[in-house]
């Protein structure tokens, strides 16, 4: 059973991201504030759940949460500031949008940049330990999947509806055959050959 809260007596937001290791698309993050002493035995790390279960739980989370929000950082921003900073920025953007102000934050992982002056704690594999982080992982994952499915309609050859932008063999073969799209992260090793495909136009540098 996942724990309800880390900070006793404080309004606590859990944060997690989705899409950090992808070759294409924005990185998404969510922030979720759950009620005190909240219980839900079905909540778990989004990676441990089926797609159908994730979407069903998204509705439950959005109904039950005191507040929730999703933040997005684009591929262009990722290329400019790097994916680690982009992940933190996406979390900050999610926190900015919360309708209820948190008094503390718990984050999946081992690094974070401070958000205003709020106390925070990073928790390795926190999405399998705390309900609010698990809820954030589900929201970030499902909203990012929706986004990648929309992009797949625009660029069907990259199989984004299947791989969601992750570096599968089919995705990389499509990059070799068709080149990159405006949604690819040009600061990444897109072909898996150790070479970066920084194809910036003059003036972008």
N, C-alpha and C. Protein backbone atom coordinates (compact mmCIF):
# COMPACT_ATOMS: atom_id res chain seq x y z
N UNK A 1 0.84 -1.20 0.00
CA UNK A 1 0.00 0.00 0.00
C UNK A 1 0.88 1.25 0.00
N UNK A 2 0.63 2.14 -0.91
CA UNK A 2 1.41 3.37 -0.99
C UNK A 2 1.04 4.30 0.15
N UNK A 3 1.99 5.12 0.56
CA UNK A 3 1.77 6.05 1.67
C UNK A 3 1.01 7.28 1.20
N UNK A 4 0.27 7.86 2.13
CA UNK A 4 -0.56 9.02 1.80
C UNK A 4 0.28 10.29 1.66
N UNK A 5 1.10 10.60 2.67
CA UNK A 5 1.86 11.86 2.66
C UNK A 5 3.24 11.67 3.28
N UNK A 6 4.16 12.50 2.89
CA UNK A 6 5.50 12.53 3.47
C UNK A 6 5.56 13.57 4.57
N UNK A 7 5.05 14.78 4.28
CA UNK A 7 5.06 15.88 5.25
C UNK A 7 3.76 15.86 6.06
N UNK A 8 3.87 15.71 7.35
CA UNK A 8 2.69 15.68 8.21
C UNK A 8 2.13 17.08 8.38
N UNK A 9 0.83 17.22 8.19
CA UNK A 9 0.16 18.48 8.48
C UNK A 9 0.35 19.58 7.47
N UNK A 10 0.96 19.30 6.33
CA UNK A 10 1.16 20.31 5.29
C UNK A 10 0.39 19.92 4.02
N UNK A 11 -0.01 20.94 3.27
CA UNK A 11 -0.61 20.70 1.96
C UNK A 11 0.52 20.30 1.02
N UNK A 12 0.52 19.06 0.59
CA UNK A 12 1.66 18.48 -0.12
C UNK A 12 1.31 18.14 -1.56
N UNK A 13 2.15 18.56 -2.48
CA UNK A 13 1.97 18.21 -3.90
C UNK A 13 3.01 17.17 -4.30
N UNK A 14 2.56 16.13 -4.98
CA UNK A 14 3.46 15.14 -5.54
C UNK A 14 3.71 15.44 -7.01
N UNK A 15 4.94 15.28 -7.47
CA UNK A 15 5.30 15.60 -8.86
C UNK A 15 6.02 14.42 -9.53
N UNK A 16 5.74 14.26 -10.81
CA UNK A 16 6.48 13.30 -11.62
C UNK A 16 6.41 13.74 -13.07
N UNK A 17 7.32 13.21 -13.89
CA UNK A 17 7.37 13.58 -15.30
C UNK A 17 7.23 12.35 -16.19
N UNK A 18 6.99 12.61 -17.48
CA UNK A 18 6.92 11.54 -18.47
C UNK A 18 7.56 12.04 -19.76
N UNK A 19 8.34 11.16 -20.39
CA UNK A 19 8.92 11.50 -21.69
C UNK A 19 10.34 11.98 -21.66
N UNK A 20 11.01 11.78 -20.55
CA UNK A 20 12.39 12.27 -20.43
C UNK A 20 13.32 11.56 -21.41
N UNK A 21 13.14 10.26 -21.60
CA UNK A 21 14.04 9.50 -22.46
C UNK A 21 13.62 9.41 -23.91
N UNK A 22 12.62 10.18 -24.30
CA UNK A 22 12.11 10.11 -25.67
C UNK A 22 12.99 10.86 -26.65
N UNK A 23 12.94 10.46 -27.91
CA UNK A 23 13.66 11.16 -28.98
C UNK A 23 12.83 12.30 -29.56
N UNK A 24 11.53 12.26 -29.35
CA UNK A 24 10.64 13.25 -29.95
C UNK A 24 9.54 13.63 -28.97
N UNK A 25 9.04 14.85 -29.15
CA UNK A 25 7.93 15.32 -28.35
C UNK A 25 8.34 16.07 -27.10
N UNK A 26 7.37 16.76 -26.55
CA UNK A 26 7.58 17.53 -25.32
C UNK A 26 7.74 16.60 -24.13
N UNK A 27 8.31 17.12 -23.06
CA UNK A 27 8.31 16.42 -21.78
C UNK A 27 7.13 16.97 -20.98
N UNK A 28 6.40 16.08 -20.34
CA UNK A 28 5.23 16.44 -19.55
C UNK A 28 5.50 16.16 -18.07
N UNK A 29 4.91 16.96 -17.21
CA UNK A 29 4.98 16.70 -15.78
C UNK A 29 3.64 17.03 -15.16
N UNK A 30 3.33 16.39 -14.05
CA UNK A 30 2.09 16.68 -13.35
C UNK A 30 2.39 16.94 -11.88
N UNK A 31 1.52 17.73 -11.27
CA UNK A 31 1.55 17.98 -9.83
C UNK A 31 0.16 17.67 -9.30
N UNK A 32 0.10 16.91 -8.22
CA UNK A 32 -1.18 16.48 -7.66
C UNK A 32 -1.19 16.68 -6.15
N UNK A 33 -2.26 17.31 -5.66
CA UNK A 33 -2.50 17.41 -4.23
C UNK A 33 -3.70 16.52 -3.91
N UNK A 34 -3.48 15.54 -3.06
CA UNK A 34 -4.56 14.62 -2.66
C UNK A 34 -5.07 15.00 -1.26
N UNK A 35 -6.30 14.62 -0.93
CA UNK A 35 -6.84 14.92 0.40
C UNK A 35 -6.01 14.27 1.50
N UNK A 36 -6.03 14.83 2.70
CA UNK A 36 -5.34 14.18 3.83
C UNK A 36 -5.89 12.77 4.04
N UNK A 37 -5.00 11.85 4.38
CA UNK A 37 -5.38 10.46 4.65
C UNK A 37 -6.09 9.78 3.48
N UNK A 38 -5.78 10.23 2.27
CA UNK A 38 -6.38 9.64 1.07
C UNK A 38 -5.94 8.19 0.93
N UNK A 39 -6.85 7.36 0.47
CA UNK A 39 -6.53 5.96 0.23
C UNK A 39 -7.03 5.54 -1.15
N UNK A 40 -6.22 4.81 -1.87
CA UNK A 40 -6.63 4.22 -3.14
C UNK A 40 -5.67 3.08 -3.45
N UNK A 41 -6.12 1.86 -3.23
CA UNK A 41 -5.27 0.68 -3.39
C UNK A 41 -4.87 0.43 -4.85
N UNK A 42 -5.58 1.07 -5.79
CA UNK A 42 -5.29 0.85 -7.21
C UNK A 42 -4.16 1.73 -7.74
N UNK A 43 -3.84 2.79 -7.02
CA UNK A 43 -2.81 3.71 -7.51
C UNK A 43 -1.43 3.08 -7.41
N UNK A 44 -0.65 3.24 -8.49
CA UNK A 44 0.71 2.71 -8.51
C UNK A 44 1.48 3.47 -9.59
N UNK A 45 2.77 3.25 -9.64
CA UNK A 45 3.62 3.78 -10.70
C UNK A 45 2.97 3.48 -12.05
N UNK A 46 2.84 4.51 -12.89
CA UNK A 46 2.14 4.36 -14.17
C UNK A 46 2.74 3.26 -15.04
N UNK A 47 4.05 3.02 -14.90
CA UNK A 47 4.71 2.00 -15.71
C UNK A 47 4.25 0.59 -15.33
N UNK A 48 3.68 0.43 -14.14
CA UNK A 48 3.22 -0.87 -13.68
C UNK A 48 1.77 -1.15 -14.06
N UNK A 49 1.12 -0.19 -14.73
CA UNK A 49 -0.29 -0.31 -15.04
C UNK A 49 -0.52 -0.47 -16.53
N UNK A 50 -1.60 -1.12 -16.90
CA UNK A 50 -1.97 -1.19 -18.30
C UNK A 50 -2.47 0.17 -18.78
N UNK A 51 -2.48 0.37 -20.08
CA UNK A 51 -2.96 1.63 -20.63
C UNK A 51 -4.42 1.88 -20.21
N UNK A 52 -5.24 0.86 -20.31
CA UNK A 52 -6.66 0.99 -19.92
C UNK A 52 -6.79 1.41 -18.46
N UNK A 53 -5.98 0.81 -17.61
CA UNK A 53 -6.04 1.12 -16.17
C UNK A 53 -5.58 2.55 -15.91
N UNK A 54 -4.54 2.98 -16.61
CA UNK A 54 -4.04 4.36 -16.42
C UNK A 54 -5.14 5.37 -16.73
N UNK A 55 -5.83 5.18 -17.84
CA UNK A 55 -6.86 6.14 -18.23
C UNK A 55 -8.06 6.09 -17.28
N UNK A 56 -8.39 4.92 -16.79
CA UNK A 56 -9.47 4.82 -15.80
C UNK A 56 -9.09 5.54 -14.51
N UNK A 57 -7.85 5.36 -14.09
CA UNK A 57 -7.38 6.00 -12.86
C UNK A 57 -7.24 7.51 -13.04
N UNK A 58 -6.95 7.96 -14.26
CA UNK A 58 -6.86 9.41 -14.49
C UNK A 58 -8.17 10.09 -14.11
N UNK A 59 -9.28 9.48 -14.48
CA UNK A 59 -10.58 10.06 -14.14
C UNK A 59 -10.79 10.08 -12.62
N UNK A 60 -10.37 9.02 -11.95
CA UNK A 60 -10.51 8.95 -10.49
C UNK A 60 -9.65 10.02 -9.83
N UNK A 61 -8.41 10.15 -10.28
CA UNK A 61 -7.49 11.14 -9.71
C UNK A 61 -8.04 12.56 -9.89
N UNK A 62 -8.50 12.87 -11.09
CA UNK A 62 -9.00 14.21 -11.35
C UNK A 62 -10.25 14.51 -10.53
N UNK A 63 -11.04 13.48 -10.24
CA UNK A 63 -12.23 13.66 -9.42
C UNK A 63 -11.87 13.83 -7.94
N UNK A 64 -10.92 13.02 -7.47
CA UNK A 64 -10.62 12.96 -6.04
C UNK A 64 -9.63 14.02 -5.57
N UNK A 65 -8.76 14.48 -6.44
CA UNK A 65 -7.68 15.38 -6.04
C UNK A 65 -8.21 16.72 -5.52
N UNK A 66 -7.52 17.26 -4.55
CA UNK A 66 -7.78 18.63 -4.11
C UNK A 66 -7.43 19.60 -5.24
N UNK A 67 -6.33 19.31 -5.93
CA UNK A 67 -5.90 20.09 -7.09
C UNK A 67 -4.95 19.26 -7.92
N UNK A 68 -4.95 19.50 -9.22
CA UNK A 68 -4.00 18.82 -10.10
C UNK A 68 -3.72 19.72 -11.30
N UNK A 69 -2.57 19.54 -11.92
CA UNK A 69 -2.22 20.32 -13.10
C UNK A 69 -1.11 19.61 -13.85
N UNK A 70 -1.00 19.94 -15.14
CA UNK A 70 0.02 19.35 -16.01
C UNK A 70 0.84 20.47 -16.63
N UNK A 71 2.16 20.31 -16.63
CA UNK A 71 3.07 21.28 -17.23
C UNK A 71 3.80 20.64 -18.41
N UNK A 72 4.15 21.47 -19.40
CA UNK A 72 4.75 20.98 -20.64
C UNK A 72 5.97 21.83 -20.99
N UNK A 73 7.03 21.17 -21.47
CA UNK A 73 8.21 21.85 -22.01
C UNK A 73 8.48 21.28 -23.39
N UNK A 74 8.62 22.14 -24.36
CA UNK A 74 8.70 21.75 -25.77
C UNK A 74 10.06 21.17 -26.15
N UNK A 75 10.13 20.48 -27.30
CA UNK A 75 11.41 19.98 -27.78
C UNK A 75 12.44 21.10 -27.99
N UNK A 76 11.98 22.27 -28.47
CA UNK A 76 12.91 23.39 -28.67
C UNK A 76 13.52 23.84 -27.35
N UNK A 77 12.69 23.88 -26.31
CA UNK A 77 13.19 24.26 -24.99
C UNK A 77 14.13 23.20 -24.43
N UNK A 78 13.80 21.92 -24.67
CA UNK A 78 14.66 20.83 -24.22
C UNK A 78 16.05 20.97 -24.86
N UNK A 79 16.09 21.23 -26.15
CA UNK A 79 17.36 21.38 -26.85
C UNK A 79 18.16 22.57 -26.30
N UNK A 80 17.44 23.59 -25.86
CA UNK A 80 18.12 24.81 -25.40
C UNK A 80 18.65 24.67 -23.98
N UNK A 81 17.90 24.01 -23.09
CA UNK A 81 18.28 24.03 -21.67
C UNK A 81 18.68 22.66 -21.13
N UNK A 82 18.53 21.60 -21.88
CA UNK A 82 18.80 20.19 -21.59
C UNK A 82 17.61 19.54 -20.88
N UNK A 83 17.52 18.23 -20.99
CA UNK A 83 16.32 17.50 -20.56
C UNK A 83 16.16 17.50 -19.05
N UNK A 84 17.24 17.50 -18.29
CA UNK A 84 17.10 17.51 -16.83
C UNK A 84 16.43 18.81 -16.37
N UNK A 85 16.96 19.93 -16.85
CA UNK A 85 16.36 21.22 -16.50
C UNK A 85 14.94 21.32 -17.04
N UNK A 86 14.71 20.77 -18.22
CA UNK A 86 13.37 20.81 -18.82
C UNK A 86 12.38 20.02 -17.97
N UNK A 87 12.80 18.89 -17.41
CA UNK A 87 11.92 18.10 -16.55
C UNK A 87 11.53 18.89 -15.31
N UNK A 88 12.51 19.58 -14.71
CA UNK A 88 12.21 20.40 -13.54
C UNK A 88 11.29 21.56 -13.91
N UNK A 89 11.55 22.17 -15.08
CA UNK A 89 10.72 23.29 -15.52
C UNK A 89 9.28 22.84 -15.75
N UNK A 90 9.09 21.65 -16.32
CA UNK A 90 7.74 21.13 -16.53
C UNK A 90 7.03 20.95 -15.19
N UNK A 91 7.76 20.47 -14.19
CA UNK A 91 7.16 20.33 -12.86
C UNK A 91 6.80 21.70 -12.28
N UNK A 92 7.69 22.67 -12.43
CA UNK A 92 7.42 24.02 -11.95
C UNK A 92 6.18 24.59 -12.64
N UNK A 93 6.05 24.36 -13.94
CA UNK A 93 4.88 24.85 -14.67
C UNK A 93 3.60 24.19 -14.19
N UNK A 94 3.68 22.91 -13.85
CA UNK A 94 2.51 22.24 -13.29
C UNK A 94 2.15 22.84 -11.93
N UNK A 95 3.16 23.04 -11.10
CA UNK A 95 2.92 23.63 -9.77
C UNK A 95 2.33 25.04 -9.89
N UNK A 96 2.80 25.79 -10.89
CA UNK A 96 2.27 27.15 -11.11
C UNK A 96 0.77 27.16 -11.34
N UNK A 97 0.27 26.10 -11.95
CA UNK A 97 -1.13 26.05 -12.36
C UNK A 97 -2.08 25.49 -11.29
N UNK A 98 -1.54 24.99 -10.21
CA UNK A 98 -2.41 24.40 -9.18
C UNK A 98 -3.35 25.46 -8.61
N UNK A 99 -4.61 25.09 -8.48
CA UNK A 99 -5.61 26.01 -7.94
C UNK A 99 -5.51 26.16 -6.42
N UNK A 100 -4.81 25.22 -5.79
CA UNK A 100 -4.54 25.28 -4.35
C UNK A 100 -3.03 25.35 -4.19
N UNK A 101 -2.57 26.27 -3.36
CA UNK A 101 -1.12 26.44 -3.18
C UNK A 101 -0.56 25.36 -2.27
N UNK A 102 0.42 24.60 -2.72
CA UNK A 102 1.04 23.61 -1.84
C UNK A 102 1.96 24.27 -0.81
N UNK A 103 2.16 23.58 0.29
CA UNK A 103 3.07 24.04 1.33
C UNK A 103 4.36 23.23 1.34
N UNK A 104 4.37 22.13 0.59
CA UNK A 104 5.55 21.27 0.47
C UNK A 104 5.40 20.43 -0.80
N UNK A 105 6.53 19.90 -1.27
CA UNK A 105 6.52 19.14 -2.53
C UNK A 105 7.33 17.86 -2.34
N UNK A 106 6.82 16.75 -2.89
CA UNK A 106 7.61 15.53 -3.00
C UNK A 106 7.73 15.18 -4.48
N UNK A 107 8.94 14.77 -4.87
CA UNK A 107 9.26 14.60 -6.29
C UNK A 107 9.84 13.22 -6.53
N UNK A 108 9.41 12.57 -7.60
CA UNK A 108 10.00 11.30 -7.99
C UNK A 108 11.41 11.54 -8.52
N UNK A 109 12.39 10.80 -8.01
CA UNK A 109 13.76 10.95 -8.50
C UNK A 109 14.70 11.37 -7.40
N UNK A 110 15.88 11.83 -7.80
CA UNK A 110 16.89 12.20 -6.80
C UNK A 110 17.41 13.63 -6.94
N UNK A 111 16.80 14.40 -7.88
CA UNK A 111 17.25 15.79 -8.05
C UNK A 111 16.04 16.67 -8.36
N UNK A 112 16.16 17.94 -7.99
CA UNK A 112 15.10 18.91 -8.24
C UNK A 112 15.68 20.29 -8.03
N UNK A 113 15.10 21.27 -8.72
CA UNK A 113 15.48 22.65 -8.45
C UNK A 113 14.40 23.28 -7.58
N UNK A 114 14.79 24.03 -6.56
CA UNK A 114 13.80 24.57 -5.61
C UNK A 114 12.69 25.34 -6.32
N UNK A 115 11.48 25.19 -5.78
CA UNK A 115 10.32 25.91 -6.29
C UNK A 115 9.95 26.97 -5.26
N UNK A 116 10.22 28.22 -5.62
CA UNK A 116 10.05 29.33 -4.67
C UNK A 116 10.79 28.96 -3.38
N UNK A 117 10.15 29.10 -2.24
CA UNK A 117 10.84 28.78 -0.99
C UNK A 117 10.23 27.55 -0.31
N UNK A 118 9.48 26.75 -1.08
CA UNK A 118 8.79 25.61 -0.48
C UNK A 118 9.75 24.48 -0.12
N UNK A 119 9.54 23.85 1.03
CA UNK A 119 10.34 22.66 1.34
C UNK A 119 10.01 21.54 0.35
N UNK A 120 11.02 20.76 0.00
CA UNK A 120 10.79 19.66 -0.93
C UNK A 120 11.67 18.48 -0.58
N UNK A 121 11.23 17.30 -1.00
CA UNK A 121 11.99 16.07 -0.81
C UNK A 121 11.95 15.26 -2.09
N UNK A 122 13.11 14.81 -2.55
CA UNK A 122 13.17 13.91 -3.71
C UNK A 122 13.16 12.48 -3.19
N UNK A 123 12.42 11.61 -3.89
CA UNK A 123 12.24 10.24 -3.45
C UNK A 123 12.47 9.31 -4.64
N UNK A 124 13.53 8.54 -4.59
CA UNK A 124 13.83 7.59 -5.66
C UNK A 124 12.73 6.53 -5.72
N UNK A 125 12.22 6.31 -6.93
CA UNK A 125 11.08 5.40 -7.13
C UNK A 125 9.88 5.81 -6.28
N UNK A 126 9.72 7.12 -6.15
CA UNK A 126 8.63 7.65 -5.34
C UNK A 126 7.27 7.33 -5.89
N UNK A 127 7.19 7.08 -7.22
CA UNK A 127 5.89 6.75 -7.82
C UNK A 127 5.39 5.38 -7.39
N UNK A 128 6.23 4.59 -6.74
CA UNK A 128 5.82 3.32 -6.18
C UNK A 128 5.74 3.36 -4.67
N UNK A 129 5.87 4.58 -4.08
CA UNK A 129 5.89 4.71 -2.62
C UNK A 129 4.83 5.67 -2.09
N UNK A 130 4.53 6.72 -2.85
CA UNK A 130 3.60 7.75 -2.38
C UNK A 130 2.47 7.96 -3.38
N UNK A 131 1.25 8.07 -2.85
CA UNK A 131 0.07 8.16 -3.71
C UNK A 131 0.08 9.37 -4.62
N UNK A 132 0.48 10.53 -4.10
CA UNK A 132 0.42 11.75 -4.93
C UNK A 132 1.42 11.69 -6.07
N UNK A 133 2.59 11.07 -5.85
CA UNK A 133 3.57 10.93 -6.94
C UNK A 133 3.07 9.91 -7.96
N UNK A 134 2.48 8.82 -7.48
CA UNK A 134 1.88 7.84 -8.39
C UNK A 134 0.80 8.49 -9.23
N UNK A 135 -0.04 9.31 -8.59
CA UNK A 135 -1.10 10.01 -9.32
C UNK A 135 -0.50 10.95 -10.37
N UNK A 136 0.56 11.65 -9.99
CA UNK A 136 1.22 12.56 -10.94
C UNK A 136 1.82 11.80 -12.10
N UNK A 137 2.37 10.62 -11.83
CA UNK A 137 2.97 9.82 -12.91
C UNK A 137 1.90 9.38 -13.90
N UNK A 138 0.71 9.06 -13.40
CA UNK A 138 -0.39 8.64 -14.28
C UNK A 138 -0.88 9.81 -15.14
N UNK A 139 -1.04 10.97 -14.53
CA UNK A 139 -1.50 12.13 -15.31
C UNK A 139 -0.46 12.53 -16.35
N UNK A 140 0.81 12.60 -15.95
CA UNK A 140 1.85 12.99 -16.90
C UNK A 140 1.92 12.01 -18.07
N UNK A 141 1.87 10.72 -17.76
CA UNK A 141 1.97 9.69 -18.79
C UNK A 141 0.78 9.73 -19.74
N UNK A 142 -0.44 9.81 -19.22
CA UNK A 142 -1.62 9.74 -20.09
C UNK A 142 -1.77 11.01 -20.94
N UNK A 143 -1.49 12.17 -20.35
CA UNK A 143 -1.60 13.39 -21.15
C UNK A 143 -0.50 13.46 -22.21
N UNK A 144 0.66 12.94 -21.89
CA UNK A 144 1.72 12.90 -22.91
C UNK A 144 1.37 11.90 -24.01
N UNK A 145 0.80 10.76 -23.63
CA UNK A 145 0.39 9.77 -24.63
C UNK A 145 -0.66 10.36 -25.57
N UNK A 146 -1.61 11.11 -25.03
CA UNK A 146 -2.62 11.77 -25.87
C UNK A 146 -1.94 12.68 -26.89
N UNK A 147 -0.98 13.44 -26.41
CA UNK A 147 -0.23 14.37 -27.27
C UNK A 147 0.54 13.63 -28.36
N UNK A 148 1.23 12.54 -28.00
CA UNK A 148 2.00 11.79 -29.00
C UNK A 148 1.08 11.11 -30.01
N UNK A 149 -0.10 10.69 -29.57
CA UNK A 149 -1.07 10.11 -30.51
C UNK A 149 -1.53 11.15 -31.53
N UNK A 150 -1.68 12.39 -31.09
CA UNK A 150 -2.04 13.46 -32.04
C UNK A 150 -0.92 13.71 -33.03
N UNK A 151 0.33 13.71 -32.54
CA UNK A 151 1.47 13.92 -33.44
C UNK A 151 1.61 12.76 -34.42
N UNK A 152 1.24 11.55 -34.00
CA UNK A 152 1.34 10.38 -34.87
C UNK A 152 0.42 10.51 -36.08
N UNK A 153 -0.68 11.21 -35.93
CA UNK A 153 -1.56 11.44 -37.07
C UNK A 153 -0.90 12.34 -38.10
N UNK A 154 -0.07 13.26 -37.63
CA UNK A 154 0.64 14.18 -38.51
C UNK A 154 1.85 13.51 -39.17
N UNK A 155 2.53 12.63 -38.43
CA UNK A 155 3.72 11.94 -38.92
C UNK A 155 3.60 10.44 -38.64
N UNK A 156 2.76 9.72 -39.39
CA UNK A 156 2.50 8.31 -39.09
C UNK A 156 3.70 7.39 -39.28
N UNK A 157 4.68 7.81 -40.08
CA UNK A 157 5.78 6.90 -40.41
C UNK A 157 6.69 6.58 -39.21
N UNK A 158 6.61 7.37 -38.14
CA UNK A 158 7.52 7.17 -37.00
C UNK A 158 6.94 6.25 -35.92
N UNK A 159 5.71 5.77 -36.11
CA UNK A 159 5.07 4.84 -35.18
C UNK A 159 4.94 5.42 -33.77
N UNK A 160 4.67 6.73 -33.68
CA UNK A 160 4.57 7.36 -32.37
C UNK A 160 3.36 6.88 -31.59
N UNK A 161 2.31 6.41 -32.28
CA UNK A 161 1.18 5.89 -31.53
C UNK A 161 1.58 4.62 -30.79
N UNK A 162 2.63 3.94 -31.27
CA UNK A 162 3.11 2.74 -30.59
C UNK A 162 4.24 3.01 -29.62
N UNK A 163 5.24 3.79 -30.06
CA UNK A 163 6.42 3.98 -29.21
C UNK A 163 6.41 5.27 -28.39
N UNK A 164 5.44 6.16 -28.67
CA UNK A 164 5.28 7.42 -27.94
C UNK A 164 6.55 8.28 -27.96
N UNK A 165 7.38 8.09 -28.99
CA UNK A 165 8.59 8.91 -29.12
C UNK A 165 9.83 8.28 -28.55
N UNK A 166 9.71 7.12 -27.92
CA UNK A 166 10.89 6.46 -27.34
C UNK A 166 11.74 5.84 -28.44
N UNK A 167 13.01 5.55 -28.15
CA UNK A 167 13.96 5.10 -29.18
C UNK A 167 13.84 3.62 -29.53
N UNK A 168 12.76 3.26 -30.20
CA UNK A 168 12.60 1.89 -30.68
C UNK A 168 13.34 1.73 -32.02
N UNK A 169 13.51 0.49 -32.42
CA UNK A 169 14.17 0.21 -33.70
C UNK A 169 13.38 0.82 -34.85
N UNK A 170 12.06 0.69 -34.82
CA UNK A 170 11.22 1.23 -35.88
C UNK A 170 11.31 2.76 -35.94
N UNK A 171 11.36 3.39 -34.79
CA UNK A 171 11.46 4.85 -34.74
C UNK A 171 12.78 5.31 -35.38
N UNK A 172 13.86 4.65 -35.00
CA UNK A 172 15.17 5.06 -35.52
C UNK A 172 15.31 4.75 -37.01
N UNK A 173 14.72 3.67 -37.44
CA UNK A 173 14.75 3.36 -38.89
C UNK A 173 13.99 4.42 -39.68
N UNK A 174 12.90 4.92 -39.12
CA UNK A 174 12.13 5.97 -39.79
C UNK A 174 12.93 7.27 -39.85
N UNK A 175 13.70 7.56 -38.79
CA UNK A 175 14.55 8.76 -38.81
C UNK A 175 15.59 8.64 -39.92
N UNK A 176 16.18 7.45 -40.05
CA UNK A 176 17.16 7.24 -41.11
C UNK A 176 16.53 7.43 -42.49
N UNK A 177 15.32 6.95 -42.65
CA UNK A 177 14.67 6.98 -43.96
C UNK A 177 14.07 8.35 -44.29
N UNK A 178 13.43 8.98 -43.31
CA UNK A 178 12.67 10.20 -43.58
C UNK A 178 13.29 11.46 -42.99
N UNK A 179 14.33 11.30 -42.16
CA UNK A 179 14.90 12.47 -41.50
C UNK A 179 14.12 12.83 -40.25
N UNK A 180 14.37 14.02 -39.73
CA UNK A 180 13.73 14.42 -38.49
C UNK A 180 12.57 15.38 -38.75
N UNK A 181 11.72 15.48 -37.75
CA UNK A 181 10.55 16.36 -37.80
C UNK A 181 10.79 17.56 -36.88
N UNK A 182 9.90 18.54 -36.90
CA UNK A 182 10.02 19.65 -35.95
C UNK A 182 9.87 19.21 -34.49
N UNK A 183 9.38 17.99 -34.28
CA UNK A 183 9.14 17.51 -32.92
C UNK A 183 10.31 16.70 -32.36
N UNK A 184 11.29 16.39 -33.18
CA UNK A 184 12.44 15.65 -32.67
C UNK A 184 13.36 16.55 -31.84
N UNK A 185 14.00 15.92 -30.86
CA UNK A 185 14.93 16.64 -30.00
C UNK A 185 16.31 16.57 -30.64
N UNK A 186 16.72 17.67 -31.20
CA UNK A 186 17.93 17.68 -32.02
C UNK A 186 19.22 17.60 -31.20
N UNK A 187 19.11 17.78 -29.90
CA UNK A 187 20.29 17.64 -29.04
C UNK A 187 20.48 16.19 -28.59
N UNK A 188 19.61 15.29 -29.06
CA UNK A 188 19.70 13.87 -28.69
C UNK A 188 20.45 13.08 -29.75
N UNK A 189 20.96 11.92 -29.35
CA UNK A 189 21.59 10.98 -30.28
C UNK A 189 20.46 10.19 -30.95
N UNK A 190 19.88 10.77 -31.96
CA UNK A 190 18.63 10.24 -32.52
C UNK A 190 18.79 8.90 -33.23
N UNK A 191 19.94 8.65 -33.82
CA UNK A 191 20.14 7.40 -34.55
C UNK A 191 20.80 6.31 -33.71
N UNK A 192 21.20 6.66 -32.50
CA UNK A 192 21.84 5.67 -31.64
C UNK A 192 23.26 5.34 -32.05
N UNK A 193 23.87 6.23 -32.84
CA UNK A 193 25.22 5.97 -33.35
C UNK A 193 26.27 6.87 -32.69
N UNK A 194 25.87 7.54 -31.63
CA UNK A 194 26.81 8.42 -30.93
C UNK A 194 26.90 9.81 -31.51
N UNK A 195 26.19 10.07 -32.60
CA UNK A 195 26.25 11.38 -33.27
C UNK A 195 24.98 12.18 -32.97
N UNK A 196 25.17 13.45 -32.67
CA UNK A 196 24.02 14.33 -32.48
C UNK A 196 23.58 14.89 -33.82
N UNK A 197 22.28 15.10 -33.97
CA UNK A 197 21.74 15.63 -35.22
C UNK A 197 21.32 17.08 -35.02
N UNK A 198 22.27 17.91 -34.65
CA UNK A 198 21.97 19.32 -34.43
C UNK A 198 21.87 20.02 -35.77
N UNK A 199 20.68 20.09 -36.30
CA UNK A 199 20.46 20.68 -37.62
C UNK A 199 19.77 22.04 -37.48
N UNK A 200 20.39 22.90 -36.68
CA UNK A 200 19.82 24.22 -36.46
C UNK A 200 20.04 25.11 -37.66
N UNK A 201 19.07 25.93 -37.94
CA UNK A 201 19.22 26.91 -38.99
C UNK A 201 20.12 28.04 -38.50
N UNK A 202 20.70 28.78 -39.42
CA UNK A 202 21.46 29.96 -39.05
C UNK A 202 20.53 30.92 -38.32
N UNK A 203 21.02 31.46 -37.23
CA UNK A 203 20.18 32.36 -36.45
C UNK A 203 19.56 31.67 -35.25
N UNK A 204 19.52 30.32 -35.28
CA UNK A 204 18.98 29.58 -34.14
C UNK A 204 20.03 29.35 -33.07
N UNK A 205 21.30 29.50 -33.45
CA UNK A 205 22.38 29.14 -32.54
C UNK A 205 22.52 30.17 -31.41
